[in-house]
Amino acid sequence: MFRAGAIAIFGVVYFFICVVTVGTHMPAGLFVPSMTIGACLGRLFAIFTNTYVKIPLGLNTIDPGPWATIGAAAFLSGSARLTVTVAVI
């Protein structure tokens, strides 16, 4: 399992690489980069929720894996103007 700092750095660097790639006017897909950035954001959300909410209150922690999937679907839906149903399928 990666640390939150490593995931955040990867997500930011990948985002800027995606921005440069889109700006080159060459055929480059946005499907996989959108899902990768969304997965980073979803996993970071779960890690920060565990660290700052669940553990201090003594509650059960959540698994970051499903939240990465939810983040990927949500980011893809928002960036490609898809409904969430189409992104999940």
PDB file of N, CA and C in Angstrom:
ATOM      1  N   MET A   1       0.846  -1.168   0.000  1.00  0.00           N
ATOM      2  CA  MET A   1       0.000   0.000   0.000  1.00  0.00           C
ATOM      3  C   MET A   1       0.896   1.236   0.000  1.00  0.00           C
ATOM      4  N   PHE A   2       0.580   2.154  -0.857  1.00  0.00           N
ATOM      5  CA  PHE A   2       1.388   3.360  -0.984  1.00  0.00           C
ATOM      6  C   PHE A   2       0.972   4.392   0.051  1.00  0.00           C
ATOM      7  N   ARG A   3       1.894   5.262   0.387  1.00  0.00           N
ATOM      8  CA  ARG A   3       1.594   6.349   1.319  1.00  0.00           C
ATOM      9  C   ARG A   3       0.799   7.431   0.596  1.00  0.00           C
ATOM     10  N   ALA A   4       0.134   8.251   1.390  1.00  0.00           N
ATOM     11  CA  ALA A   4      -0.704   9.302   0.815  1.00  0.00           C
ATOM     12  C   ALA A   4       0.126  10.314   0.041  1.00  0.00           C
ATOM     13  N   GLY A   5       1.312  10.638   0.514  1.00  0.00           N
ATOM     14  CA  GLY A   5       2.163  11.598  -0.180  1.00  0.00           C
ATOM     15  C   GLY A   5       2.576  11.117  -1.556  1.00  0.00           C
ATOM     16  N   ALA A   6       2.910   9.838  -1.658  1.00  0.00           N
ATOM     17  CA  ALA A   6       3.300   9.275  -2.955  1.00  0.00           C
ATOM     18  C   ALA A   6       2.128   9.277  -3.929  1.00  0.00           C
ATOM     19  N   ILE A   7       0.945   8.956  -3.445  1.00  0.00           N
ATOM     20  CA  ILE A   7      -0.238   8.959  -4.308  1.00  0.00           C
ATOM     21  C   ILE A   7      -0.561  10.387  -4.757  1.00  0.00           C
ATOM     22  N   ALA A   8      -0.433  11.354  -3.846  1.00  0.00           N
ATOM     23  CA  ALA A   8      -0.717  12.749  -4.199  1.00  0.00           C
ATOM     24  C   ALA A   8       0.270  13.264  -5.239  1.00  0.00           C
ATOM     25  N   ILE A   9       1.544  12.969  -5.065  1.00  0.00           N
ATOM     26  CA  ILE A   9       2.547  13.401  -6.046  1.00  0.00           C
ATOM     27  C   ILE A   9       2.284  12.755  -7.403  1.00  0.00           C
ATOM     28  N   PHE A  10       1.985  11.459  -7.399  1.00  0.00           N
ATOM     29  CA  PHE A  10       1.686  10.771  -8.660  1.00  0.00           C
ATOM     30  C   PHE A  10       0.480  11.394  -9.343  1.00  0.00           C
ATOM     31  N   GLY A  11      -0.584  11.671  -8.583  1.00  0.00           N
ATOM     32  CA  GLY A  11      -1.787  12.248  -9.170  1.00  0.00           C
ATOM     33  C   GLY A  11      -1.548  13.622  -9.765  1.00  0.00           C
ATOM     34  N   VAL A  12      -0.786  14.468  -9.080  1.00  0.00           N
ATOM     35  CA  VAL A  12      -0.510  15.819  -9.578  1.00  0.00           C
ATOM     36  C   VAL A  12       0.364  15.760 -10.828  1.00  0.00           C
ATOM     37  N   VAL A  13       1.418  14.955 -10.785  1.00  0.00           N
ATOM     38  CA  VAL A  13       2.304  14.833 -11.952  1.00  0.00           C
ATOM     39  C   VAL A  13       1.545  14.246 -13.139  1.00  0.00           C
ATOM     40  N   TYR A  14       0.736  13.224 -12.898  1.00  0.00           N
ATOM     41  CA  TYR A  14      -0.031  12.601 -13.977  1.00  0.00           C
ATOM     42  C   TYR A  14      -1.043  13.584 -14.565  1.00  0.00           C
ATOM     43  N   PHE A  15      -1.630  14.425 -13.712  1.00  0.00           N
ATOM     44  CA  PHE A  15      -2.578  15.427 -14.189  1.00  0.00           C
ATOM     45  C   PHE A  15      -1.889  16.401 -15.141  1.00  0.00           C
ATOM     46  N   PHE A  16      -0.720  16.907 -14.754  1.00  0.00           N
ATOM     47  CA  PHE A  16      -0.024  17.867 -15.612  1.00  0.00           C
ATOM     48  C   PHE A  16       0.495  17.216 -16.890  1.00  0.00           C
ATOM     49  N   ILE A  17       0.907  15.971 -16.829  1.00  0.00           N
ATOM     50  CA  ILE A  17       1.295  15.259 -18.040  1.00  0.00           C
ATOM     51  C   ILE A  17       0.088  15.102 -18.964  1.00  0.00           C
ATOM     52  N   CYS A  18      -1.069  14.835 -18.394  1.00  0.00           N
ATOM     53  CA  CYS A  18      -2.301  14.708 -19.188  1.00  0.00           C
ATOM     54  C   CYS A  18      -2.665  16.039 -19.837  1.00  0.00           C
ATOM     55  N   VAL A  19      -2.495  17.141 -19.104  1.00  0.00           N
ATOM     56  CA  VAL A  19      -2.796  18.462 -19.659  1.00  0.00           C
ATOM     57  C   VAL A  19      -1.874  18.770 -20.839  1.00  0.00           C
ATOM     58  N   VAL A  20      -0.591  18.460 -20.702  1.00  0.00           N
ATOM     59  CA  VAL A  20       0.361  18.701 -21.788  1.00  0.00           C
ATOM     60  C   VAL A  20       0.020  17.829 -22.993  1.00  0.00           C
ATOM     61  N   THR A  21      -0.342  16.584 -22.749  1.00  0.00           N
ATOM     62  CA  THR A  21      -0.673  15.669 -23.839  1.00  0.00           C
ATOM     63  C   THR A  21      -1.906  16.140 -24.601  1.00  0.00           C
ATOM     64  N   VAL A  22      -2.914  16.612 -23.891  1.00  0.00           N
ATOM     65  CA  VAL A  22      -4.129  17.084 -24.559  1.00  0.00           C
ATOM     66  C   VAL A  22      -3.837  18.345 -25.360  1.00  0.00           C
ATOM     67  N   GLY A  23      -2.940  19.177 -24.879  1.00  0.00           N
ATOM     68  CA  GLY A  23      -2.632  20.421 -25.564  1.00  0.00           C
ATOM     69  C   GLY A  23      -1.759  20.271 -26.794  1.00  0.00           C
ATOM     70  N   THR A  24      -1.253  19.088 -27.083  1.00  0.00           N
ATOM     71  CA  THR A  24      -0.376  18.909 -28.238  1.00  0.00           C
ATOM     72  C   THR A  24      -1.143  18.703 -29.540  1.00  0.00           C
ATOM     73  N   HIS A  25      -2.435  18.577 -29.496  1.00  0.00           N
ATOM     74  CA  HIS A  25      -3.285  18.361 -30.674  1.00  0.00           C
ATOM     75  C   HIS A  25      -2.915  17.091 -31.428  1.00  0.00           C
ATOM     76  N   MET A  26      -2.501  16.103 -30.707  1.00  0.00           N
ATOM     77  CA  MET A  26      -2.237  14.790 -31.294  1.00  0.00           C
ATOM     78  C   MET A  26      -3.282  13.836 -30.737  1.00  0.00           C
ATOM     79  N   PRO A  27      -3.556  12.767 -31.445  1.00  0.00           N
ATOM     80  CA  PRO A  27      -4.552  11.831 -30.931  1.00  0.00           C
ATOM     81  C   PRO A  27      -4.060  11.155 -29.653  1.00  0.00           C
ATOM     82  N   ALA A  28      -4.666  11.515 -28.569  1.00  0.00           N
ATOM     83  CA  ALA A  28      -4.323  10.927 -27.278  1.00  0.00           C
ATOM     84  C   ALA A  28      -5.621  10.741 -26.504  1.00  0.00           C
ATOM     85  N   GLY A  29      -5.802   9.577 -25.946  1.00  0.00           N
ATOM     86  CA  GLY A  29      -7.032   9.297 -25.231  1.00  0.00           C
ATOM     87  C   GLY A  29      -7.071   9.949 -23.862  1.00  0.00           C
ATOM     88  N   LEU A  30      -8.259  10.241 -23.409  1.00  0.00           N
ATOM     89  CA  LEU A  30      -8.452  10.782 -22.068  1.00  0.00           C
ATOM     90  C   LEU A  30      -9.134   9.791 -21.144  1.00  0.00           C
ATOM     91  N   PHE A  31      -9.456   8.625 -21.662  1.00  0.00           N
ATOM     92  CA  PHE A  31     -10.200   7.652 -20.868  1.00  0.00           C
ATOM     93  C   PHE A  31      -9.355   7.129 -19.700  1.00  0.00           C
ATOM     94  N   VAL A  32      -8.197   6.577 -19.999  1.00  0.00           N
ATOM     95  CA  VAL A  32      -7.343   6.008 -18.951  1.00  0.00           C
ATOM     96  C   VAL A  32      -6.770   7.082 -18.034  1.00  0.00           C
ATOM     97  N   PRO A  33      -6.281   8.224 -18.554  1.00  0.00           N
ATOM     98  CA  PRO A  33      -5.813   9.247 -17.621  1.00  0.00           C
ATOM     99  C   PRO A  33      -6.898   9.757 -16.678  1.00  0.00           C
ATOM    100  N   SER A  34      -8.119   9.891 -17.163  1.00  0.00           N
ATOM    101  CA  SER A  34      -9.212  10.332 -16.296  1.00  0.00           C
ATOM    102  C   SER A  34      -9.472   9.321 -15.191  1.00  0.00           C
ATOM    103  N   MET A  35      -9.449   8.061 -15.542  1.00  0.00           N
ATOM    104  CA  MET A  35      -9.683   7.031 -14.527  1.00  0.00           C
ATOM    105  C   MET A  35      -8.526   6.957 -13.541  1.00  0.00           C
ATOM    106  N   THR A  36      -7.303   7.164 -13.998  1.00  0.00           N
ATOM    107  CA  THR A  36      -6.143   7.113 -13.109  1.00  0.00           C
ATOM    108  C   THR A  36      -6.157   8.268 -12.117  1.00  0.00           C
ATOM    109  N   ILE A  37      -6.432   9.466 -12.596  1.00  0.00           N
ATOM    110  CA  ILE A  37      -6.486  10.629 -11.713  1.00  0.00           C
ATOM    111  C   ILE A  37      -7.633  10.483 -10.717  1.00  0.00           C
ATOM    112  N   GLY A  38      -8.783  10.012 -11.167  1.00  0.00           N
ATOM    113  CA  GLY A  38      -9.917   9.790 -10.267  1.00  0.00           C
ATOM    114  C   GLY A  38      -9.630   8.728  -9.225  1.00  0.00           C
ATOM    115  N   ALA A  39      -8.916   7.677  -9.618  1.00  0.00           N
ATOM    116  CA  ALA A  39      -8.554   6.637  -8.654  1.00  0.00           C
ATOM    117  C   ALA A  39      -7.611   7.183  -7.591  1.00  0.00           C
ATOM    118  N   CYS A  40      -6.693   8.042  -7.998  1.00  0.00           N
ATOM    119  CA  CYS A  40      -5.794   8.674  -7.019  1.00  0.00           C
ATOM    120  C   CYS A  40      -6.591   9.529  -6.032  1.00  0.00           C
ATOM    121  N   LEU A  41      -7.530  10.310  -6.550  1.00  0.00           N
ATOM    122  CA  LEU A  41      -8.335  11.162  -5.668  1.00  0.00           C
ATOM    123  C   LEU A  41      -9.220  10.342  -4.728  1.00  0.00           C
ATOM    124  N   GLY A  42      -9.822   9.271  -5.240  1.00  0.00           N
ATOM    125  CA  GLY A  42     -10.667   8.424  -4.402  1.00  0.00           C
ATOM    126  C   GLY A  42      -9.884   7.721  -3.309  1.00  0.00           C
ATOM    127  N   ARG A  43      -8.701   7.224  -3.655  1.00  0.00           N
ATOM    128  CA  ARG A  43      -7.857   6.557  -2.663  1.00  0.00           C
ATOM    129  C   ARG A  43      -7.369   7.552  -1.611  1.00  0.00           C
ATOM    130  N   LEU A  44      -6.998   8.764  -2.039  1.00  0.00           N
ATOM    131  CA  LEU A  44      -6.588   9.788  -1.081  1.00  0.00           C
ATOM    132  C   LEU A  44      -7.734  10.166  -0.142  1.00  0.00           C
ATOM    133  N   PHE A  45      -8.948  10.235  -0.690  1.00  0.00           N
ATOM    134  CA  PHE A  45     -10.112  10.522   0.156  1.00  0.00           C
ATOM    135  C   PHE A  45     -10.267   9.464   1.244  1.00  0.00           C
ATOM    136  N   ALA A  46     -10.137   8.201   0.874  1.00  0.00           N
ATOM    137  CA  ALA A  46     -10.283   7.125   1.854  1.00  0.00           C
ATOM    138  C   ALA A  46      -9.159   7.147   2.889  1.00  0.00           C
ATOM    139  N   ILE A  47      -7.935   7.416   2.447  1.00  0.00           N
ATOM    140  CA  ILE A  47      -6.818   7.457   3.385  1.00  0.00           C
ATOM    141  C   ILE A  47      -6.990   8.605   4.376  1.00  0.00           C
ATOM    142  N   PHE A  48      -7.370   9.781   3.880  1.00  0.00           N
ATOM    143  CA  PHE A  48      -7.559  10.915   4.781  1.00  0.00           C
ATOM    144  C   PHE A  48      -8.770  10.726   5.690  1.00  0.00           C
ATOM    145  N   THR A  49      -9.808  10.074   5.192  1.00  0.00           N
ATOM    146  CA  THR A  49     -10.964   9.783   6.046  1.00  0.00           C
ATOM    147  C   THR A  49     -10.567   8.833   7.174  1.00  0.00           C
ATOM    148  N   ASN A  50      -9.795   7.818   6.850  1.00  0.00           N
ATOM    149  CA  ASN A  50      -9.324   6.907   7.892  1.00  0.00           C
ATOM    150  C   ASN A  50      -8.427   7.621   8.887  1.00  0.00           C
ATOM    151  N   THR A  51      -7.519   8.446   8.394  1.00  0.00           N
ATOM    152  CA  THR A  51      -6.527   9.079   9.259  1.00  0.00           C
ATOM    153  C   THR A  51      -7.131  10.133  10.171  1.00  0.00           C
ATOM    154  N   TYR A  52      -8.008  10.968   9.649  1.00  0.00           N
ATOM    155  CA  TYR A  52      -8.485  12.114  10.419  1.00  0.00           C
ATOM    156  C   TYR A  52      -9.888  11.980  10.985  1.00  0.00           C
ATOM    157  N   VAL A  53     -10.648  10.969  10.565  1.00  0.00           N
ATOM    158  CA  VAL A  53     -12.017  10.829  11.076  1.00  0.00           C
ATOM    159  C   VAL A  53     -12.213   9.497  11.780  1.00  0.00           C
ATOM    160  N   LYS A  54     -11.957   8.407  11.088  1.00  0.00           N
ATOM    161  CA  LYS A  54     -12.304   7.095  11.613  1.00  0.00           C
ATOM    162  C   LYS A  54     -11.416   6.681  12.789  1.00  0.00           C
ATOM    163  N   ILE A  55     -10.099   6.753  12.628  1.00  0.00           N
ATOM    164  CA  ILE A  55      -9.185   6.284  13.672  1.00  0.00           C
ATOM    165  C   ILE A  55      -9.273   7.152  14.935  1.00  0.00           C
ATOM    166  N   PRO A  56      -9.284   8.505  14.839  1.00  0.00           N
ATOM    167  CA  PRO A  56      -9.399   9.289  16.080  1.00  0.00           C
ATOM    168  C   PRO A  56     -10.700   9.063  16.839  1.00  0.00           C
ATOM    169  N   LEU A  57     -11.769   8.750  16.131  1.00  0.00           N
ATOM    170  CA  LEU A  57     -13.050   8.513  16.802  1.00  0.00           C
ATOM    171  C   LEU A  57     -13.228   7.064  17.238  1.00  0.00           C
ATOM    172  N   GLY A  58     -12.290   6.200  16.885  1.00  0.00           N
ATOM    173  CA  GLY A  58     -12.370   4.794  17.266  1.00  0.00           C
ATOM    174  C   GLY A  58     -13.341   3.989  16.428  1.00  0.00           C
ATOM    175  N   LEU A  59     -13.648   4.442  15.236  1.00  0.00           N
ATOM    176  CA  LEU A  59     -14.578   3.730  14.360  1.00  0.00           C
ATOM    177  C   LEU A  59     -13.816   2.758  13.474  1.00  0.00           C
ATOM    178  N   ASN A  60     -14.536   1.847  12.832  1.00  0.00           N
ATOM    179  CA  ASN A  60     -13.906   0.920  11.894  1.00  0.00           C
ATOM    180  C   ASN A  60     -13.392   1.685  10.681  1.00  0.00           C
ATOM    181  N   THR A  61     -12.227   1.282  10.198  1.00  0.00           N
ATOM    182  CA  THR A  61     -11.649   1.958   9.035  1.00  0.00           C
ATOM    183  C   THR A  61     -12.285   1.426   7.753  1.00  0.00           C
ATOM    184  N   ILE A  62     -12.134   2.201   6.684  1.00  0.00           N
ATOM    185  CA  ILE A  62     -12.673   1.804   5.384  1.00  0.00           C
ATOM    186  C   ILE A  62     -11.527   1.370   4.477  1.00  0.00           C
ATOM    187  N   ASP A  63     -11.835   0.510   3.539  1.00  0.00           N
ATOM    188  CA  ASP A  63     -10.841   0.015   2.589  1.00  0.00           C
ATOM    189  C   ASP A  63     -10.692   1.031   1.457  1.00  0.00           C
ATOM    190  N   PRO A  64      -9.472   1.485   1.150  1.00  0.00           N
ATOM    191  CA  PRO A  64      -9.296   2.482   0.091  1.00  0.00           C
ATOM    192  C   PRO A  64      -9.544   1.953  -1.324  1.00  0.00           C
ATOM    193  N   GLY A  65      -9.515   0.647  -1.530  1.00  0.00           N
ATOM    194  CA  GLY A  65      -9.685   0.085  -2.873  1.00  0.00           C
ATOM    195  C   GLY A  65     -11.005   0.422  -3.528  1.00  0.00           C
ATOM    196  N   PRO A  66     -12.134   0.150  -2.880  1.00  0.00           N
ATOM    197  CA  PRO A  66     -13.418   0.522  -3.495  1.00  0.00           C
ATOM    198  C   PRO A  66     -13.566   2.024  -3.711  1.00  0.00           C
ATOM    199  N   TRP A  67     -12.980   2.829  -2.843  1.00  0.00           N
ATOM    200  CA  TRP A  67     -13.065   4.277  -3.008  1.00  0.00           C
ATOM    201  C   TRP A  67     -12.253   4.735  -4.205  1.00  0.00           C
ATOM    202  N   ALA A  68     -11.185   4.000  -4.541  1.00  0.00           N
ATOM    203  CA  ALA A  68     -10.437   4.307  -5.758  1.00  0.00           C
ATOM    204  C   ALA A  68     -11.303   4.048  -6.990  1.00  0.00           C
ATOM    205  N   THR A  69     -12.071   2.984  -6.956  1.00  0.00           N
ATOM    206  CA  THR A  69     -12.967   2.670  -8.072  1.00  0.00           C
ATOM    207  C   THR A  69     -14.068   3.723  -8.196  1.00  0.00           C
ATOM    208  N   ILE A  70     -14.631   4.129  -7.076  1.00  0.00           N
ATOM    209  CA  ILE A  70     -15.675   5.158  -7.090  1.00  0.00           C
ATOM    210  C   ILE A  70     -15.108   6.479  -7.595  1.00  0.00           C
ATOM    211  N   GLY A  71     -13.904   6.825  -7.151  1.00  0.00           N
ATOM    212  CA  GLY A  71     -13.266   8.056  -7.621  1.00  0.00           C
ATOM    213  C   GLY A  71     -12.984   8.027  -9.105  1.00  0.00           C
ATOM    214  N   ALA A  72     -12.550   6.867  -9.611  1.00  0.00           N
ATOM    215  CA  ALA A  72     -12.278   6.739 -11.044  1.00  0.00           C
ATOM    216  C   ALA A  72     -13.556   6.933 -11.854  1.00  0.00           C
ATOM    217  N   ALA A  73     -14.639   6.304 -11.428  1.00  0.00           N
ATOM    218  CA  ALA A  73     -15.916   6.446 -12.138  1.00  0.00           C
ATOM    219  C   ALA A  73     -16.437   7.874 -12.061  1.00  0.00           C
ATOM    220  N   ALA A  74     -16.296   8.506 -10.904  1.00  0.00           N
ATOM    221  CA  ALA A  74     -16.795   9.869 -10.741  1.00  0.00           C
ATOM    222  C   ALA A  74     -15.994  10.860 -11.582  1.00  0.00           C
ATOM    223  N   PHE A  75     -14.672  10.729 -11.592  1.00  0.00           N
ATOM    224  CA  PHE A  75     -13.844  11.656 -12.367  1.00  0.00           C
ATOM    225  C   PHE A  75     -14.067  11.464 -13.864  1.00  0.00           C
ATOM    226  N   LEU A  76     -14.202  10.211 -14.289  1.00  0.00           N
ATOM    227  CA  LEU A  76     -14.486   9.952 -15.704  1.00  0.00           C
ATOM    228  C   LEU A  76     -15.838  10.517 -16.094  1.00  0.00           C
ATOM    229  N   SER A  77     -16.824  10.363 -15.216  1.00  0.00           N
ATOM    230  CA  SER A  77     -18.159  10.901 -15.511  1.00  0.00           C
ATOM    231  C   SER A  77     -18.134  12.410 -15.638  1.00  0.00           C
ATOM    232  N   GLY A  78     -17.409  13.066 -14.757  1.00  0.00           N
ATOM    233  CA  GLY A  78     -17.355  14.521 -14.787  1.00  0.00           C
ATOM    234  C   GLY A  78     -16.557  15.069 -15.949  1.00  0.00           C
ATOM    235  N   SER A  79     -15.460  14.429 -16.276  1.00  0.00           N
ATOM    236  CA  SER A  79     -14.611  14.971 -17.338  1.00  0.00           C
ATOM    237  C   SER A  79     -15.124  14.633 -18.733  1.00  0.00           C
ATOM    238  N   ALA A  80     -15.820  13.542 -18.888  1.00  0.00           N
ATOM    239  CA  ALA A  80     -16.317  13.143 -20.202  1.00  0.00           C
ATOM    240  C   ALA A  80     -17.807  13.415 -20.385  1.00  0.00           C
ATOM    241  N   ARG A  81     -18.429  14.042 -19.384  1.00  0.00           N
ATOM    242  CA  ARG A  81     -19.867  14.345 -19.400  1.00  0.00           C
ATOM    243  C   ARG A  81     -20.717  13.104 -19.616  1.00  0.00           C
ATOM    244  N   LEU A  82     -20.350  12.054 -18.937  1.00  0.00           N
ATOM    245  CA  LEU A  82     -21.111  10.814 -18.979  1.00  0.00           C
ATOM    246  C   LEU A  82     -21.981  10.698 -17.744  1.00  0.00           C
ATOM    247  N   THR A  83     -23.011   9.887 -17.840  1.00  0.00           N
ATOM    248  CA  THR A  83     -23.736   9.571 -16.624  1.00  0.00           C
ATOM    249  C   THR A  83     -22.918   8.542 -15.853  1.00  0.00           C
ATOM    250  N   VAL A  84     -23.130   8.460 -14.563  1.00  0.00           N
ATOM    251  CA  VAL A  84     -22.357   7.546 -13.747  1.00  0.00           C
ATOM    252  C   VAL A  84     -22.633   6.100 -14.155  1.00  0.00           C
ATOM    253  N   THR A  85     -23.841   5.812 -14.595  1.00  0.00           N
ATOM    254  CA  THR A  85     -24.177   4.455 -15.008  1.00  0.00           C
ATOM    255  C   THR A  85     -23.308   3.989 -16.172  1.00  0.00           C
ATOM    256  N   VAL A  86     -23.117   4.844 -17.151  1.00  0.00           N
ATOM    257  CA  VAL A  86     -22.296   4.480 -18.302  1.00  0.00           C
ATOM    258  C   VAL A  86     -20.844   4.305 -17.881  1.00  0.00           C
ATOM    259  N   ALA A  87     -20.349   5.134 -16.987  1.00  0.00           N
ATOM    260  CA  ALA A  87     -18.950   5.031 -16.542  1.00  0.00           C
ATOM    261  C   ALA A  87     -18.715   3.752 -15.744  1.00  0.00           C
ATOM    262  N   VAL A  88     -19.674   3.354 -14.938  1.00  0.00           N
ATOM    263  CA  VAL A  88     -19.511   2.142 -14.135  1.00  0.00           C
ATOM    264  C   VAL A  88     -19.594   0.899 -14.996  1.00  0.00           C
ATOM    265  N   ILE A  89     -20.476   0.912 -15.974  1.00  0.00           N
ATOM    266  CA  ILE A  89     -20.612  -0.251 -16.852  1.00  0.00           C
ATOM    267  C   ILE A  89     -19.386  -0.368 -17.703  1.00  0.00           C
TER     268      ILE A  89
END
